[in-house]
C-alpha atoms as a PDB file:
ATOM      1  CA  MET A   1      97.898  75.314  74.676  1.00  0.00           C
ATOM      2  CA  VAL A   2     101.012  76.736  76.575  1.00  0.00           C
ATOM      3  CA  PRO A   3     100.554  76.173  80.248  1.00  0.00           C
ATOM      4  CA  ILE A   4     102.744  78.540  82.479  1.00  0.00           C
ATOM      5  CA  PHE A   5     103.207  77.876  85.829  1.00  0.00           C
ATOM      6  CA  ILE A   6     104.338  80.397  88.199  1.00  0.00           C
ATOM      7  CA  MET A   7     106.637  78.929  90.790  1.00  0.00           C
ATOM      8  CA  SER A   8     108.578  79.668  93.641  1.00  0.00           C
ATOM      9  CA  SER A   9     110.519  77.970  96.672  1.00  0.00           C
ATOM     10  CA  ARG A  10     108.518  79.757  99.098  1.00  0.00           C
ATOM     11  CA  ASP A  11     105.459  82.227  99.981  1.00  0.00           C
ATOM     12  CA  TYR A  12     104.972  85.757  99.255  1.00  0.00           C
ATOM     13  CA  THR A  13     107.825  86.195  96.252  1.00  0.00           C
ATOM     14  CA  GLY A  14     104.980  87.547  94.158  1.00  0.00           C
ATOM     15  CA  LYS A  15     103.761  85.091  92.172  1.00  0.00           C
ATOM     16  CA  THR A  16     100.203  86.873  92.006  1.00  0.00           C
ATOM     17  CA  PHE A  17     102.105  89.905  90.922  1.00  0.00           C
ATOM     18  CA  LEU A  18     103.678  88.333  88.085  1.00  0.00           C
ATOM     19  CA  ALA A  19     100.628  86.414  87.022  1.00  0.00           C
ATOM     20  CA  ILE A  20      98.192  89.297  86.813  1.00  0.00           C
ATOM     21  CA  GLY A  21     101.100  91.564  85.010  1.00  0.00           C
ATOM     22  CA  LEU A  22     101.758  88.591  82.314  1.00  0.00           C
ATOM     23  CA  GLY A  23      97.934  87.906  82.062  1.00  0.00           C
ATOM     24  CA  ILE A  24      97.190  91.502  81.135  1.00  0.00           C
ATOM     25  CA  GLU A  25     100.365  91.799  78.768  1.00  0.00           C
ATOM     26  CA  LEU A  26      99.191  88.255  76.870  1.00  0.00           C
ATOM     27  CA  MET A  27      95.815  89.568  76.653  1.00  0.00           C
ATOM     28  CA  GLU A  28      96.841  93.036  75.360  1.00  0.00           C
ATOM     29  CA  ARG A  29      98.545  91.228  72.346  1.00  0.00           C
ATOM     30  CA  GLY A  30      95.470  89.093  71.726  1.00  0.00           C
ATOM     31  CA  TYR A  31      96.123  85.792  72.999  1.00  0.00           C
ATOM     32  CA  LYS A  32      93.186  84.094  74.503  1.00  0.00           C
ATOM     33  CA  VAL A  33      94.230  83.778  78.125  1.00  0.00           C
ATOM     34  CA  GLY A  34      93.074  81.317  80.610  1.00  0.00           C
ATOM     35  CA  TYR A  35      94.046  80.688  84.836  1.00  0.00           C
ATOM     36  CA  ILE A  36      93.847  77.665  86.757  1.00  0.00           C
ATOM     37  CA  LYS A  37      94.666  77.655  90.694  1.00  0.00           C
ATOM     38  CA  PRO A  38      95.323  73.742  90.997  1.00  0.00           C
ATOM     39  CA  ILE A  39      95.610  73.969  95.142  1.00  0.00           C
ATOM     40  CA  GLY A  40      93.779  76.216  96.958  1.00  0.00           C
ATOM     41  CA  LYS A  41      94.649  77.717 100.223  1.00  0.00           C
ATOM     42  CA  ARG A  42      92.791  80.290 100.860  1.00  0.00           C
ATOM     43  CA  PRO A  43      88.822  79.166 100.692  1.00  0.00           C
ATOM     44  CA  VAL A  44      86.236  82.058 100.261  1.00  0.00           C
ATOM     45  CA  LYS A  45      82.576  81.417  99.756  1.00  0.00           C
ATOM     46  CA  LYS A  46      81.613  82.384  96.167  1.00  0.00           C
ATOM     47  CA  GLY A  47      77.729  81.505  95.604  1.00  0.00           C
ATOM     48  CA  LYS A  48      76.824  78.236  96.827  1.00  0.00           C
ATOM     49  CA  GLY A  49      80.671  76.913  96.392  1.00  0.00           C
ATOM     50  CA  ILE A  50      84.133  77.407  98.362  1.00  0.00           C
ATOM     51  CA  TYR A  51      87.119  78.395  96.048  1.00  0.00           C
ATOM     52  CA  ASP A  52      90.160  79.766  96.432  1.00  0.00           C
ATOM     53  CA  GLU A  53      90.686  83.549  97.159  1.00  0.00           C
ATOM     54  CA  ASP A  54      93.305  83.976  94.430  1.00  0.00           C
ATOM     55  CA  ALA A  55      91.565  81.946  92.008  1.00  0.00           C
ATOM     56  CA  VAL A  56      88.348  84.733  92.320  1.00  0.00           C
ATOM     57  CA  PHE A  57      90.510  87.580  92.562  1.00  0.00           C
ATOM     58  CA  MET A  58      92.364  86.362  88.943  1.00  0.00           C
ATOM     59  CA  LYS A  59      88.842  85.850  87.627  1.00  0.00           C
ATOM     60  CA  GLU A  60      87.627  89.059  88.243  1.00  0.00           C
ATOM     61  CA  ALA A  61      90.838  90.881  87.387  1.00  0.00           C
ATOM     62  CA  LEU A  62      91.075  89.244  83.871  1.00  0.00           C
ATOM     63  CA  SER A  63      87.579  89.516  83.213  1.00  0.00           C
ATOM     64  CA  LEU A  64      87.786  85.311  82.759  1.00  0.00           C
ATOM     65  CA  ALA A  65      84.827  83.747  81.330  1.00  0.00           C
ATOM     66  CA  ASP A  66      85.717  80.437  83.082  1.00  0.00           C
ATOM     67  CA  PRO A  67      83.864  79.399  86.064  1.00  0.00           C
ATOM     68  CA  LEU A  68      85.073  79.016  89.136  1.00  0.00           C
ATOM     69  CA  ASP A  69      84.953  75.533  89.149  1.00  0.00           C
ATOM     70  CA  ILE A  70      87.590  75.554  86.890  1.00  0.00           C
ATOM     71  CA  ILE A  71      89.729  77.865  87.764  1.00  0.00           C
ATOM     72  CA  SER A  72      89.872  76.425  91.176  1.00  0.00           C
ATOM     73  CA  PRO A  73      89.357  73.017  90.803  1.00  0.00           C
ATOM     74  CA  PHE A  74      90.236  72.034  94.744  1.00  0.00           C
ATOM     75  CA  VAL A  75      90.574  74.196  97.855  1.00  0.00           C
ATOM     76  CA  LEU A  76      92.365  72.037 100.894  1.00  0.00           C
ATOM     77  CA  SER A  77      90.255  74.102 103.389  1.00  0.00           C
ATOM     78  CA  TYR A  78      90.034  72.645 107.016  1.00  0.00           C
ATOM     79  CA  GLU A  79      87.548  70.184 105.958  1.00  0.00           C
ATOM     80  CA  MET A  80      89.381  68.429 103.101  1.00  0.00           C
ATOM     81  CA  GLN A  81      92.538  68.271 105.369  1.00  0.00           C
ATOM     82  CA  GLN A  82      90.975  66.344 107.699  1.00  0.00           C
ATOM     83  CA  LEU A  83      89.498  63.889 104.708  1.00  0.00           C
ATOM     84  CA  LEU A  84      93.278  63.688 103.803  1.00  0.00           C
ATOM     85  CA  LEU A  85      94.637  62.509 107.079  1.00  0.00           C
ATOM     86  CA  GLU A  86      91.602  59.695 106.809  1.00  0.00           C
ATOM     87  CA  GLY A  87      92.714  58.760 103.417  1.00  0.00           C
ATOM     88  CA  ARG A  88      88.946  59.694 102.053  1.00  0.00           C
ATOM     89  CA  ILE A  89      90.019  62.132  99.150  1.00  0.00           C
ATOM     90  CA  ARG A  90      91.322  60.238  96.022  1.00  0.00           C
ATOM     91  CA  ASP A  91      90.010  62.319  93.733  1.00  0.00           C
ATOM     92  CA  ALA A  92      92.093  65.596  93.726  1.00  0.00           C
ATOM     93  CA  LYS A  93      94.379  65.315  90.985  1.00  0.00           C
ATOM     94  CA  GLN A  94      91.616  64.169  88.514  1.00  0.00           C
ATOM     95  CA  ARG A  95      89.600  66.886  89.389  1.00  0.00           C
ATOM     96  CA  ILE A  96      92.198  69.323  88.742  1.00  0.00           C
ATOM     97  CA  LEU A  97      93.523  67.845  85.601  1.00  0.00           C
ATOM     98  CA  ASP A  98      89.842  67.446  84.175  1.00  0.00           C
ATOM     99  CA  ALA A  99      89.700  70.992  85.108  1.00  0.00           C
ATOM    100  CA  PHE A 100      93.272  71.813  82.940  1.00  0.00           C
ATOM    101  CA  GLY A 101      91.964  69.896  80.307  1.00  0.00           C
ATOM    102  CA  SER A 102      88.706  72.099  79.983  1.00  0.00           C
ATOM    103  CA  LEU A 103      90.862  75.367  79.158  1.00  0.00           C
ATOM    104  CA  GLY A 104      92.624  73.601  76.020  1.00  0.00           C
ATOM    105  CA  ASP A 105      90.891  76.496  73.745  1.00  0.00           C
ATOM    106  CA  LYS A 106      93.248  78.853  75.729  1.00  0.00           C
ATOM    107  CA  ASP A 107      96.431  80.076  73.895  1.00  0.00           C
ATOM    108  CA  PHE A 108      97.964  80.298  77.207  1.00  0.00           C
ATOM    109  CA  VAL A 109      97.148  79.028  80.455  1.00  0.00           C
ATOM    110  CA  ILE A 110      98.612  80.674  83.824  1.00  0.00           C
ATOM    111  CA  VAL A 111      98.944  78.065  86.512  1.00  0.00           C
ATOM    112  CA  GLY A 112      99.168  79.379  90.129  1.00  0.00           C
ATOM    113  CA  GLY A 113     101.706  77.356  91.616  1.00  0.00           C
ATOM    114  CA  ALA A 114     101.847  76.712  95.640  1.00  0.00           C
ATOM    115  CA  GLY A 115     104.219  78.181  98.599  1.00  0.00           C
ATOM    116  CA  ASP A 116     106.865  75.883  97.189  1.00  0.00           C
ATOM    117  CA  PHE A 117     107.283  72.997  95.107  1.00  0.00           C
ATOM    118  CA  PHE A 118     106.088  70.197  97.428  1.00  0.00           C
ATOM    119  CA  GLU A 119     103.178  71.497  98.682  1.00  0.00           C
ATOM    120  CA  GLY A 120     100.526  68.900  98.060  1.00  0.00           C
ATOM    121  CA  ALA A 121     102.825  65.934  97.732  1.00  0.00           C
ATOM    122  CA  ALA A 122     100.497  63.912  99.962  1.00  0.00           C
ATOM    123  CA  LEU A 123      97.868  63.596  97.147  1.00  0.00           C
ATOM    124  CA  ASP A 124     100.329  63.550  94.074  1.00  0.00           C
ATOM    125  CA  ILE A 125      99.361  67.354  93.202  1.00  0.00           C
ATOM    126  CA  ASN A 126     102.465  69.085  93.844  1.00  0.00           C
ATOM    127  CA  ALA A 127     104.069  71.479  91.386  1.00  0.00           C
ATOM    128  CA  LEU A 128     106.676  69.206  90.424  1.00  0.00           C
ATOM    129  CA  SER A 129     104.109  66.463  89.853  1.00  0.00           C
ATOM    130  CA  LEU A 130     101.561  68.843  87.998  1.00  0.00           C
ATOM    131  CA  ILE A 131     103.833  70.565  85.896  1.00  0.00           C
ATOM    132  CA  HIS A 132     104.933  67.216  84.110  1.00  0.00           C
ATOM    133  CA  GLU A 133     101.355  66.196  84.081  1.00  0.00           C
ATOM    134  CA  MET A 134     100.252  68.911  82.144  1.00  0.00           C
ATOM    135  CA  ASN A 135     103.603  69.880  80.020  1.00  0.00           C
ATOM    136  CA  GLY A 136     104.132  72.907  81.344  1.00  0.00           C
ATOM    137  CA  ASN A 137     106.836  75.453  81.544  1.00  0.00           C
ATOM    138  CA  ALA A 138     107.890  76.736  84.411  1.00  0.00           C
ATOM    139  CA  LEU A 139     108.539  80.603  85.458  1.00  0.00           C
ATOM    140  CA  ILE A 140     110.268  80.978  88.841  1.00  0.00           C
ATOM    141  CA  ILE A 141     109.777  84.205  90.664  1.00  0.00           C
ATOM    142  CA  GLU A 142     112.472  84.578  93.741  1.00  0.00           C
ATOM    143  CA  ALA A 143     112.514  87.623  95.989  1.00  0.00           C
ATOM    144  CA  TRP A 144     116.022  88.880  96.254  1.00  0.00           C
ATOM    145  CA  ARG A 145     117.529  87.875  99.636  1.00  0.00           C
ATOM    146  CA  GLY A 146     120.773  88.432  98.440  1.00  0.00           C
ATOM    147  CA  ASP A 147     122.737  86.161  96.656  1.00  0.00           C
ATOM    148  CA  VAL A 148     121.674  82.992  98.398  1.00  0.00           C
ATOM    149  CA  SER A 149     119.115  83.908  95.747  1.00  0.00           C
ATOM    150  CA  LEU A 150     121.676  82.688  93.100  1.00  0.00           C
ATOM    151  CA  ASP A 151     121.315  79.442  94.709  1.00  0.00           C
ATOM    152  CA  THR A 152     117.719  79.079  94.501  1.00  0.00           C
ATOM    153  CA  LEU A 153     117.075  79.409  90.742  1.00  0.00           C
ATOM    154  CA  LEU A 154     120.167  77.162  90.241  1.00  0.00           C
ATOM    155  CA  GLY A 155     118.318  74.800  92.113  1.00  0.00           C
ATOM    156  CA  SER A 156     115.232  75.332  90.956  1.00  0.00           C
ATOM    157  CA  ALA A 157     116.704  75.192  87.159  1.00  0.00           C
ATOM    158  CA  ARG A 158     118.729  71.846  87.957  1.00  0.00           C
ATOM    159  CA  LEU A 159     115.314  70.280  89.924  1.00  0.00           C
ATOM    160  CA  LEU A 160     113.074  71.356  86.824  1.00  0.00           C
ATOM    161  CA  GLY A 161     115.390  70.202  83.662  1.00  0.00           C
ATOM    162  CA  GLU A 162     113.597  70.854  80.376  1.00  0.00           C
ATOM    163  CA  ARG A 163     110.871  72.214  82.373  1.00  0.00           C
ATOM    164  CA  TYR A 164     112.620  75.237  83.488  1.00  0.00           C
ATOM    165  CA  ALA A 165     111.508  78.336  81.077  1.00  0.00           C
ATOM    166  CA  GLY A 166     113.003  80.978  82.825  1.00  0.00           C
ATOM    167  CA  GLY A 167     113.226  83.065  86.339  1.00  0.00           C
ATOM    168  CA  VAL A 168     112.543  86.438  87.612  1.00  0.00           C
ATOM    169  CA  PHE A 169     114.223  88.124  90.529  1.00  0.00           C
ATOM    170  CA  ASN A 170     111.624  90.413  92.501  1.00  0.00           C
ATOM    171  CA  LYS A 171     111.728  92.765  95.455  1.00  0.00           C
ATOM    172  CA  VAL A 172     115.116  94.059  94.791  1.00  0.00           C
ATOM    173  CA  PRO A 173     116.205  96.679  96.946  1.00  0.00           C
ATOM    174  CA  ALA A 174     117.331 100.095  94.698  1.00  0.00           C
ATOM    175  CA  ASN A 175     120.790  99.881  96.411  1.00  0.00           C
ATOM    176  CA  SER A 176     121.069  95.995  95.103  1.00  0.00           C
ATOM    177  CA  LEU A 177     119.516  96.607  91.720  1.00  0.00           C
ATOM    178  CA  GLU A 178     122.916  97.763  89.547  1.00  0.00           C
ATOM    179  CA  HIS A 179     124.104  94.666  91.072  1.00  0.00           C
ATOM    180  CA  VAL A 180     121.888  91.838  90.223  1.00  0.00           C
ATOM    181  CA  LYS A 181     121.357  93.388  86.633  1.00  0.00           C
ATOM    182  CA  GLY A 182     125.623  93.856  85.959  1.00  0.00           C
ATOM    183  CA  SER A 183     126.559  90.724  87.648  1.00  0.00           C
ATOM    184  CA  VAL A 184     123.994  88.185  88.969  1.00  0.00           C
ATOM    185  CA  LYS A 185     122.123  87.920  85.859  1.00  0.00           C
ATOM    186  CA  PRO A 186     125.002  87.688  83.413  1.00  0.00           C
ATOM    187  CA  PHE A 187     126.440  84.770  85.737  1.00  0.00           C
ATOM    188  CA  LEU A 188     123.242  82.927  85.561  1.00  0.00           C
ATOM    189  CA  GLU A 189     122.883  83.103  82.267  1.00  0.00           C
ATOM    190  CA  ASN A 190     126.427  82.102  81.511  1.00  0.00           C
ATOM    191  CA  LYS A 191     125.196  79.026  83.271  1.00  0.00           C
ATOM    192  CA  ALA A 192     122.176  78.469  80.631  1.00  0.00           C
ATOM    193  CA  ILE A 193     119.355  80.002  83.263  1.00  0.00           C
ATOM    194  CA  ARG A 194     117.398  82.275  81.798  1.00  0.00           C
ATOM    195  CA  ILE A 195     116.389  85.277  83.656  1.00  0.00           C
ATOM    196  CA  PHE A 196     113.288  86.866  81.971  1.00  0.00           C
ATOM    197  CA  GLY A 197     113.328  90.312  84.195  1.00  0.00           C
ATOM    198  CA  VAL A 198     114.455  92.001  87.488  1.00  0.00           C
ATOM    199  CA  PHE A 199     112.123  94.164  89.412  1.00  0.00           C
ATOM    200  CA  GLN A 200     113.068  96.687  91.854  1.00  0.00           C
ATOM    201  CA  LYS A 201     111.197  96.726  95.510  1.00  0.00           C
ATOM    202  CA  ASP A 202     107.911  98.522  94.906  1.00  0.00           C
ATOM    203  CA  SER A 203     106.359 100.795  97.795  1.00  0.00           C
ATOM    204  CA  LEU A 204     103.393 100.524  96.200  1.00  0.00           C
ATOM    205  CA  LEU A 205     102.961  97.119  95.842  1.00  0.00           C
ATOM    206  CA  GLU A 206     104.494  96.478  99.110  1.00  0.00           C
ATOM    207  CA  SER A 207     102.098  99.019 100.865  1.00  0.00           C
ATOM    208  CA  MET A 208      99.077  98.175 103.030  1.00  0.00           C
ATOM    209  CA  ALA A 209      95.431  99.535 102.385  1.00  0.00           C
ATOM    210  CA  VAL A 210      94.212 101.184 105.467  1.00  0.00           C
ATOM    211  CA  ARG A 211      91.554  98.822 105.447  1.00  0.00           C
ATOM    212  CA  GLN A 212      94.162  96.340 105.884  1.00  0.00           C
ATOM    213  CA  LEU A 213      95.816  97.591 109.244  1.00  0.00           C
ATOM    214  CA  ILE A 214      92.376  97.881 110.548  1.00  0.00           C
ATOM    215  CA  GLU A 215      92.244  94.188 110.230  1.00  0.00           C
ATOM    216  CA  ILE A 216      95.490  93.081 111.152  1.00  0.00           C
ATOM    217  CA  LEU A 217      95.111  95.061 114.584  1.00  0.00           C
ATOM    218  CA  ASN A 218      91.579  94.790 115.245  1.00  0.00           C
ATOM    219  CA  GLY A 219      91.237  98.148 115.114  1.00  0.00           C
ATOM    220  CA  LYS A 220      88.200 100.528 115.453  1.00  0.00           C
ATOM    221  CA  VAL A 221      87.488 103.623 113.106  1.00  0.00           C
ATOM    222  CA  LEU A 222      86.883 106.784 114.424  1.00  0.00           C
ATOM    223  CA  CYS A 223      86.692 109.304 111.735  1.00  0.00           C
ATOM    224  CA  CYS A 224      87.067 109.007 107.878  1.00  0.00           C
ATOM    225  CA  GLU A 225      85.443 105.651 106.862  1.00  0.00           C
ATOM    226  CA  ASP A 226      85.454 106.686 103.303  1.00  0.00           C
ATOM    227  CA  ARG A 227      89.134 106.929 103.308  1.00  0.00           C
ATOM    228  CA  LEU A 228      90.009 103.370 104.467  1.00  0.00           C
ATOM    229  CA  ASP A 229      91.460 102.313 100.497  1.00  0.00           C
ATOM    230  CA  GLU A 230      94.563 105.118 100.783  1.00  0.00           C
ATOM    231  CA  PHE A 231      97.784 103.119 100.411  1.00  0.00           C
ATOM    232  CA  VAL A 232     100.428 103.229 103.652  1.00  0.00           C
ATOM    233  CA  GLU A 233     103.642 103.145 102.199  1.00  0.00           C
ATOM    234  CA  ASN A 234     105.674 103.975 105.596  1.00  0.00           C
ATOM    235  CA  PHE A 235     105.292 103.569 109.333  1.00  0.00           C
ATOM    236  CA  SER A 236     106.728 106.268 111.620  1.00  0.00           C
ATOM    237  CA  ILE A 237     106.275 106.215 115.595  1.00  0.00           C
ATOM    238  CA  GLY A 238     105.074 109.335 117.361  1.00  0.00           C
ATOM    239  CA  ALA A 239     107.198 108.786 120.486  1.00  0.00           C
ATOM    240  CA  MET A 240     109.694 112.333 120.036  1.00  0.00           C
ATOM    241  CA  ASP A 241     109.003 115.787 121.263  1.00  0.00           C
ATOM    242  CA  VAL A 242     107.106 117.915 118.485  1.00  0.00           C
ATOM    243  CA  ASP A 243     109.866 119.509 117.118  1.00  0.00           C
ATOM    244  CA  ASN A 244     111.736 116.455 115.875  1.00  0.00           C
ATOM    245  CA  ALA A 245     108.277 114.662 115.043  1.00  0.00           C
ATOM    246  CA  LEU A 246     107.824 117.248 112.361  1.00  0.00           C
ATOM    247  CA  LYS A 247     111.193 117.146 110.525  1.00  0.00           C
ATOM    248  CA  TYR A 248     110.736 113.008 110.969  1.00  0.00           C
ATOM    249  CA  PHE A 249     107.175 113.453 109.281  1.00  0.00           C
ATOM    250  CA  ARG A 250     108.294 115.471 106.731  1.00  0.00           C
ATOM    251  CA  ARG A 251     111.207 113.212 105.402  1.00  0.00           C
ATOM    252  CA  THR A 252     108.349 110.159 105.445  1.00  0.00           C
ATOM    253  CA  PRO A 253     105.694 110.369 102.758  1.00  0.00           C
ATOM    254  CA  ASN A 254     102.682 108.210 102.761  1.00  0.00           C
ATOM    255  CA  LYS A 255     102.756 107.104 106.456  1.00  0.00           C
ATOM    256  CA  ALA A 256     100.733 105.819 109.438  1.00  0.00           C
ATOM    257  CA  VAL A 257     101.383 107.494 112.444  1.00  0.00           C
ATOM    258  CA  ILE A 258     101.643 105.181 115.716  1.00  0.00           C
ATOM    259  CA  THR A 259     101.307 106.752 118.708  1.00  0.00           C
ATOM    260  CA  GLY A 260      99.617 107.169 122.068  1.00  0.00           C
ATOM    261  CA  ALA A 261      95.973 108.567 122.217  1.00  0.00           C
ATOM    262  CA  HIS A 262      97.256 111.150 124.654  1.00  0.00           C
ATOM    263  CA  ARG A 263      99.893 112.851 122.416  1.00  0.00           C
ATOM    264  CA  SER A 264      97.919 114.781 120.580  1.00  0.00           C
ATOM    265  CA  ASP A 265     100.678 117.284 119.991  1.00  0.00           C
ATOM    266  CA  ILE A 266     102.140 114.300 117.800  1.00  0.00           C
ATOM    267  CA  GLN A 267      98.678 113.852 115.921  1.00  0.00           C
ATOM    268  CA  LEU A 268      98.277 117.289 115.102  1.00  0.00           C
ATOM    269  CA  VAL A 269     101.724 117.669 113.789  1.00  0.00           C
ATOM    270  CA  ALA A 270     101.549 114.455 111.934  1.00  0.00           C
ATOM    271  CA  MET A 271      98.246 116.050 109.803  1.00  0.00           C
ATOM    272  CA  GLU A 272     100.131 118.602 108.567  1.00  0.00           C
ATOM    273  CA  THR A 273     102.369 116.395 106.592  1.00  0.00           C
ATOM    274  CA  SER A 274     101.937 112.983 104.388  1.00  0.00           C
ATOM    275  CA  THR A 275      99.727 110.894 106.504  1.00  0.00           C
ATOM    276  CA  LYS A 276      97.621 108.569 105.466  1.00  0.00           C
ATOM    277  CA  CYS A 277      96.379 107.456 108.962  1.00  0.00           C
ATOM    278  CA  ILE A 278      96.875 107.646 112.776  1.00  0.00           C
ATOM    279  CA  ILE A 279      96.679 105.031 114.951  1.00  0.00           C
ATOM    280  CA  LEU A 280      96.132 105.424 118.454  1.00  0.00           C
ATOM    281  CA  THR A 281      97.276 102.636 120.834  1.00  0.00           C
ATOM    282  CA  GLY A 282      96.085 101.374 124.118  1.00  0.00           C
ATOM    283  CA  GLY A 283      92.408 101.164 123.348  1.00  0.00           C
ATOM    284  CA  MET A 284      92.062 104.824 124.105  1.00  0.00           C
ATOM    285  CA  TYR A 285      90.443 107.922 121.969  1.00  0.00           C
ATOM    286  CA  THR A 286      91.608 111.077 121.343  1.00  0.00           C
ATOM    287  CA  ASN A 287      90.086 114.630 121.756  1.00  0.00           C
ATOM    288  CA  ASP A 288      87.648 116.419 119.811  1.00  0.00           C
ATOM    289  CA  VAL A 289      90.074 119.345 118.325  1.00  0.00           C
ATOM    290  CA  VAL A 290      92.121 116.290 116.734  1.00  0.00           C
ATOM    291  CA  LEU A 291      88.882 114.469 115.391  1.00  0.00           C
ATOM    292  CA  GLY A 292      87.813 117.591 113.747  1.00  0.00           C
ATOM    293  CA  ARG A 293      90.996 118.115 112.504  1.00  0.00           C
ATOM    294  CA  ALA A 294      91.316 114.772 111.023  1.00  0.00           C
ATOM    295  CA  GLN A 295      87.900 115.078 109.578  1.00  0.00           C
ATOM    296  CA  ALA A 296      88.610 117.986 107.872  1.00  0.00           C
ATOM    297  CA  LYS A 297      91.807 117.014 106.456  1.00  0.00           C
ATOM    298  CA  GLY A 298      90.455 113.208 105.294  1.00  0.00           C
ATOM    299  CA  ILE A 299      92.910 111.232 107.792  1.00  0.00           C
ATOM    300  CA  PRO A 300      91.577 108.330 109.421  1.00  0.00           C
ATOM    301  CA  ILE A 301      92.007 107.742 113.029  1.00  0.00           C
ATOM    302  CA  ILE A 302      91.852 104.278 114.312  1.00  0.00           C
ATOM    303  CA  SER A 303      91.999 103.011 117.931  1.00  0.00           C
ATOM    304  CA  VAL A 304      93.665  99.463 118.509  1.00  0.00           C
ATOM    305  CA  PRO A 305      93.600  97.631 121.713  1.00  0.00           C
ATOM    306  CA  GLU A 306      97.337  96.709 121.915  1.00  0.00           C
ATOM    307  CA  ASP A 307     100.159  98.854 123.339  1.00  0.00           C
ATOM    308  CA  THR A 308     102.177 100.692 120.522  1.00  0.00           C
ATOM    309  CA  PHE A 309     105.344  97.740 120.587  1.00  0.00           C
ATOM    310  CA  THR A 310     102.843  95.160 120.136  1.00  0.00           C
ATOM    311  CA  ALA A 311     101.006  96.890 117.224  1.00  0.00           C
ATOM    312  CA  ILE A 312     104.487  97.748 115.642  1.00  0.00           C
ATOM    313  CA  ASP A 313     105.155  93.787 115.742  1.00  0.00           C
ATOM    314  CA  ARG A 314     101.825  92.801 114.266  1.00  0.00           C
ATOM    315  CA  ILE A 315     102.429  95.206 111.369  1.00  0.00           C
ATOM    316  CA  GLU A 316     106.046  94.205 110.596  1.00  0.00           C
ATOM    317  CA  SER A 317     104.968  90.327 110.516  1.00  0.00           C
ATOM    318  CA  ASN A 318     102.508  91.205 107.685  1.00  0.00           C
ATOM    319  CA  ILE A 319     104.850  93.623 105.902  1.00  0.00           C
ATOM    320  CA  GLY A 320     105.887  91.950 102.680  1.00  0.00           C
ATOM    321  CA  LYS A 321     102.869  89.849 102.522  1.00  0.00           C
ATOM    322  CA  THR A 322     100.276  92.453 101.080  1.00  0.00           C
ATOM    323  CA  ARG A 323      98.065  91.215  98.131  1.00  0.00           C
ATOM    324  CA  ILE A 324      97.278  92.209  95.224  1.00  0.00           C
ATOM    325  CA  ARG A 325      93.545  93.475  94.630  1.00  0.00           C
ATOM    326  CA  GLU A 326      93.479  97.144  94.425  1.00  0.00           C
ATOM    327  CA  GLU A 327      93.402  98.956  90.924  1.00  0.00           C
ATOM    328  CA  GLY A 328      96.554 100.836  91.727  1.00  0.00           C
ATOM    329  CA  LYS A 329      98.279  97.922  92.364  1.00  0.00           C
ATOM    330  CA  ILE A 330      96.923  95.923  89.456  1.00  0.00           C
ATOM    331  CA  ASN A 331      97.998  99.024  87.103  1.00  0.00           C
ATOM    332  CA  ARG A 332     101.349  99.596  88.684  1.00  0.00           C
ATOM    333  CA  ALA A 333     101.792  95.178  87.933  1.00  0.00           C
ATOM    334  CA  LYS A 334     100.942  95.555  84.588  1.00  0.00           C
ATOM    335  CA  LYS A 335     103.319  98.812  84.346  1.00  0.00           C
ATOM    336  CA  MET A 336     106.457  96.788  85.658  1.00  0.00           C
ATOM    337  CA  ILE A 337     105.914  94.092  83.356  1.00  0.00           C
ATOM    338  CA  GLY A 338     105.622  95.969  80.132  1.00  0.00           C
ATOM    339  CA  ALA A 339     108.881  97.612  81.460  1.00  0.00           C
ATOM    340  CA  GLU A 340     111.291  95.038  82.718  1.00  0.00           C
ATOM    341  CA  PHE A 341     109.961  91.648  81.586  1.00  0.00           C
ATOM    342  CA  ASP A 342     111.299  90.407  78.239  1.00  0.00           C
ATOM    343  CA  MET A 343     108.063  89.299  76.386  1.00  0.00           C
ATOM    344  CA  GLU A 344     109.882  88.457  73.432  1.00  0.00           C
ATOM    345  CA  ARG A 345     112.172  86.234  74.604  1.00  0.00           C
ATOM    346  CA  PHE A 346     109.797  84.313  77.089  1.00  0.00           C
ATOM    347  CA  LEU A 347     107.285  84.171  74.205  1.00  0.00           C
ATOM    348  CA  LYS A 348     110.083  82.382  72.106  1.00  0.00           C
ATOM    349  CA  THR A 349     111.111  80.439  74.864  1.00  0.00           C
ATOM    350  CA  VAL A 350     107.860  78.873  75.932  1.00  0.00           C
ATOM    351  CA  THR A 351     106.363  78.111  72.232  1.00  0.00           C
ATOM    352  CA  GLY A 352     109.754  76.591  71.464  1.00  0.00           C
ATOM    353  CA  ASN A 353     111.148  78.886  69.237  1.00  0.00           C
ATOM    354  CA  LYS A 354     114.251  79.336  71.241  1.00  0.00           C
END
């Protein structure tokens, strides 16, 4: 069994994207694949148990037969946090290692890493501790932040030593792709820092479903409840005159338009372009003409209590933090891994055939 730790130095780098794409690719090659999330941070109730949200998703997405008690052996809920502070948790590490040991019949076990290398250190279950206990291989994913990302991968490789298998750069803007592939990757490779893939920032993976926007903004759906799983890739503010708005909206595909309820002219113009939903701020409703047009075109209209700037601030604080859950995103992750990840080199590295 070969354990593969998907690790990063911070949250929202694309660990789930890499885990799901890699898991599917390995399964399609005929390997038996398992998954474990040692430290759960997003508790959800499933049946009679409390498990990690990512672990539940991975079980379903990869059709894993292993029970959730194995895939999600420890969830750091609020209650668990209190027990930790009171010194009443002593078996977390053993619980995780026992669950991991029960996956010994797999060819590969993907281990979903925490938000950083040190999360869980108070219980001796941080990534750096577990990777040595499990004799694992670290696959580091770094969301491109400019050349400072070189330091992250260099530092990670030195910190992990022989446990470092390689890294990938994710969410690279199109205008930086040539630089990362042509300069950054060769620079790191010359320092014996293996890079298995460079992934361009993808609008679909970064997108939000209309349903997610409603949750973020505490919105009320006024029409088209059957279209809430559409993906929003861009956002436009409808505060200009109609002529300029039309030109602007035509250049912006798959968007949500944020505007005041009184701007029915903007709302009608937006619906003549590639618009996935219209967000009305200030807790107000629109008129029947707009609602009728929206219903005919299948464009949800959502009323939110916040003013425009507060709504925009909430959306911006969640951009880049969307999760892979929908089938379209899973398929995109699979396609990207198949196209840009050096699977042959990766397999040789983690199986010892370097």
